[in-house]
Amino acid sequence: MGRFWVIMDVARMLTWTADRYPGRRAVGGPRPLTYRQWDARTNQLARALAGLGVAPGDRVAFLLAGGEPMASLHLAVQKLGAAAVPLSIRFGPAELAYCVQDAEPALVLADDSTAANLAHAPVTLARLDELAQREPDGELETSTTRTPTPARSAMAGT
């Protein structure tokens, strides 16, 4: 008898849970979200990332203070089939510039509280949440073929 494996990542688990328990609370804090709302938000963020050129296989580096924005970006990156490269907020500008150069991400993300630490990294900044709000929240369709691109950057606003 053969075995088969179902690959289940955290982003798929979120969508699965949103389908089954759409009204249950998923995120607490100052910006609470149900599973359906959180799944929709991560879809919007994924579309915004794709609009900035992120594709399957790319690396997306981010320097965020934490909480829901960071968790949502992790999931959005995963939904695209890209790899998240979280950067430590304890690193100084020189260490961050080294990490960004070494990781060769397609995109670098920061929030208002961390953007100044990326001053030495070769990046441009934009507001990711503003881009995400323009995106639909339905299911994602992603392509699995694309060559990674050079680094760009966006600022994740809350």
Protein backbone atom coordinates (compact mmCIF):
# COMPACT_ATOMS: atom_id res chain seq x y z
CA MET A 1 0.00 0.00 0.00
CA GLY A 2 1.46 3.36 -1.01
CA ARG A 3 1.73 6.41 1.16
CA PHE A 4 1.01 9.94 0.16
CA TRP A 5 1.84 13.17 1.90
CA VAL A 6 -0.16 16.34 1.94
CA ILE A 7 2.05 19.38 2.26
CA MET A 8 0.33 21.74 4.67
CA ASP A 9 1.94 25.08 5.40
CA VAL A 10 0.71 27.68 7.86
CA ALA A 11 -0.85 29.85 5.12
CA ARG A 12 -2.92 26.90 3.86
CA MET A 13 -3.94 26.15 7.44
CA LEU A 14 -5.19 29.73 7.80
CA THR A 15 -7.33 29.42 4.67
CA TRP A 16 -8.59 26.02 5.79
CA THR A 17 -9.49 27.40 9.22
CA ALA A 18 -11.16 30.49 7.69
CA ASP A 19 -13.35 28.21 5.58
CA ARG A 20 -14.42 26.20 8.61
CA TYR A 21 -14.58 28.86 11.34
CA PRO A 22 -14.94 32.22 9.54
CA GLY A 23 -16.36 34.13 12.52
CA ARG A 24 -13.99 32.91 15.20
CA ARG A 25 -11.41 35.32 16.54
CA ALA A 26 -7.94 34.70 15.12
CA VAL A 27 -6.02 37.84 16.11
CA GLY A 28 -6.37 39.87 19.29
CA GLY A 29 -4.88 43.19 20.31
CA PRO A 30 -5.64 46.67 19.01
CA ARG A 31 -6.62 45.32 15.57
CA PRO A 32 -8.65 42.12 16.23
CA LEU A 33 -9.51 39.94 13.24
CA THR A 34 -11.64 36.86 12.66
CA TYR A 35 -10.13 33.98 10.67
CA ARG A 36 -12.02 35.14 7.57
CA GLN A 37 -10.78 38.72 7.98
CA TRP A 38 -7.20 37.58 8.59
CA ASP A 39 -7.25 35.28 5.56
CA ALA A 40 -8.64 38.14 3.45
CA ARG A 41 -5.97 40.53 4.77
CA THR A 42 -3.15 38.12 3.99
CA ASN A 43 -4.57 37.63 0.47
CA GLN A 44 -4.59 41.40 -0.04
CA LEU A 45 -1.02 41.68 1.23
CA ALA A 46 0.05 38.80 -1.03
CA ARG A 47 -1.49 40.55 -4.04
CA ALA A 48 0.24 43.80 -3.10
CA LEU A 49 3.56 41.94 -2.81
CA ALA A 50 2.96 40.31 -6.20
CA GLY A 51 2.20 43.76 -7.60
CA LEU A 52 5.63 44.83 -6.37
CA GLY A 53 7.19 41.97 -8.31
CA VAL A 54 7.43 39.20 -5.69
CA ALA A 55 7.02 35.74 -7.22
CA PRO A 56 7.37 32.11 -6.12
CA GLY A 57 10.94 31.36 -5.10
CA ASP A 58 11.81 34.99 -4.30
CA ARG A 59 13.02 36.04 -0.87
CA VAL A 60 11.24 38.84 1.00
CA ALA A 61 13.16 40.42 3.88
CA PHE A 62 11.36 42.42 6.51
CA LEU A 63 12.16 44.44 9.60
CA LEU A 64 8.97 44.90 11.60
CA ALA A 65 8.29 45.62 15.27
CA GLY A 66 6.09 42.50 15.55
CA GLY A 67 2.45 41.69 16.16
CA GLU A 68 -0.24 41.20 13.53
CA PRO A 69 1.55 43.08 10.71
CA MET A 70 4.57 40.79 10.97
CA ALA A 71 2.48 37.61 11.27
CA SER A 72 0.32 38.68 8.31
CA LEU A 73 3.36 39.38 6.15
CA HIS A 74 4.84 35.97 6.98
CA LEU A 75 1.62 34.36 5.78
CA ALA A 76 1.29 36.58 2.70
CA VAL A 77 4.83 35.78 1.62
CA GLN A 78 4.15 32.07 2.12
CA LYS A 79 0.92 32.28 0.11
CA LEU A 80 2.97 33.51 -2.86
CA GLY A 81 5.42 30.62 -2.56
CA ALA A 82 8.19 33.03 -1.64
CA ALA A 83 10.51 32.76 1.37
CA ALA A 84 10.29 35.12 4.34
CA VAL A 85 13.57 36.51 5.67
CA PRO A 86 12.76 38.17 9.01
CA LEU A 87 15.42 40.62 10.22
CA SER A 88 16.08 41.33 13.89
CA ILE A 89 15.03 44.71 15.23
CA ARG A 90 18.08 44.43 17.51
CA PHE A 91 20.46 44.74 14.55
CA GLY A 92 21.98 48.11 13.77
CA PRO A 93 22.02 49.68 10.29
CA ALA A 94 25.34 48.12 9.29
CA GLU A 95 24.28 44.60 10.29
CA LEU A 96 20.95 45.02 8.52
CA ALA A 97 22.66 46.23 5.35
CA TYR A 98 24.90 43.17 5.45
CA CYS A 99 21.93 40.81 5.94
CA VAL A 100 19.98 42.42 3.09
CA GLN A 101 22.99 42.20 0.77
CA ASP A 102 23.65 38.59 1.76
CA ALA A 103 20.01 37.44 1.42
CA GLU A 104 19.52 39.12 -1.98
CA PRO A 105 15.77 39.60 -1.41
CA ALA A 106 13.40 40.64 -4.16
CA LEU A 107 11.78 43.03 -1.67
CA VAL A 108 12.64 44.54 1.71
CA LEU A 109 9.79 45.60 4.04
CA ALA A 110 9.90 47.93 7.04
CA ASP A 111 7.40 49.75 9.26
CA ASP A 112 7.50 53.29 10.61
CA SER A 113 9.40 52.25 13.73
CA THR A 114 12.15 50.36 11.87
CA ALA A 115 12.66 52.08 8.50
CA ALA A 116 15.45 54.35 9.73
CA ASN A 117 17.56 51.27 10.53
CA LEU A 118 17.54 50.33 6.85
CA ALA A 119 19.13 53.63 5.82
CA HIS A 120 22.35 51.84 4.81
CA ALA A 121 20.55 49.20 2.77
CA PRO A 122 20.07 49.88 -0.97
CA VAL A 123 16.27 50.20 -0.84
CA THR A 124 13.34 52.52 -1.65
CA LEU A 125 10.34 52.75 0.69
CA ALA A 126 6.55 52.74 0.04
CA ARG A 127 3.47 52.01 2.20
CA LEU A 128 2.49 48.37 1.78
CA ASP A 129 -0.85 48.64 3.63
CA GLU A 130 -1.99 51.39 1.28
CA LEU A 131 -1.23 49.12 -1.66
CA ALA A 132 -2.97 46.16 0.01
CA GLN A 133 -6.18 48.13 0.60
CA ARG A 134 -6.56 48.48 -3.19
CA GLU A 135 -6.42 44.70 -3.67
CA PRO A 136 -9.35 42.24 -3.67
CA ASP A 137 -9.44 39.71 -0.84
CA GLY A 138 -10.57 36.60 -2.74
CA GLU A 139 -8.57 33.42 -3.26
CA LEU A 140 -5.09 33.71 -4.73
CA GLU A 141 -3.93 32.19 -7.98
CA THR A 142 -0.15 32.02 -8.12
CA SER A 143 2.30 31.04 -10.81
CA THR A 144 5.26 28.86 -9.94
CA THR A 145 7.64 30.04 -12.63
CA ARG A 146 9.65 33.22 -12.51
CA THR A 147 13.25 34.27 -12.08
CA PRO A 148 13.99 36.14 -8.79
CA THR A 149 14.45 39.90 -9.18
CA PRO A 150 16.87 42.43 -7.63
CA ALA A 151 16.01 43.99 -4.26
CA ARG A 152 13.32 46.64 -3.84
CA SER A 153 11.73 47.83 -0.63
CA ALA A 154 8.36 48.78 0.79
CA MET A 155 7.34 50.17 4.16
CA ALA A 156 4.58 48.27 5.94
CA GLY A 157 2.21 50.76 7.53
CA THR A 158 -0.31 49.77 10.16
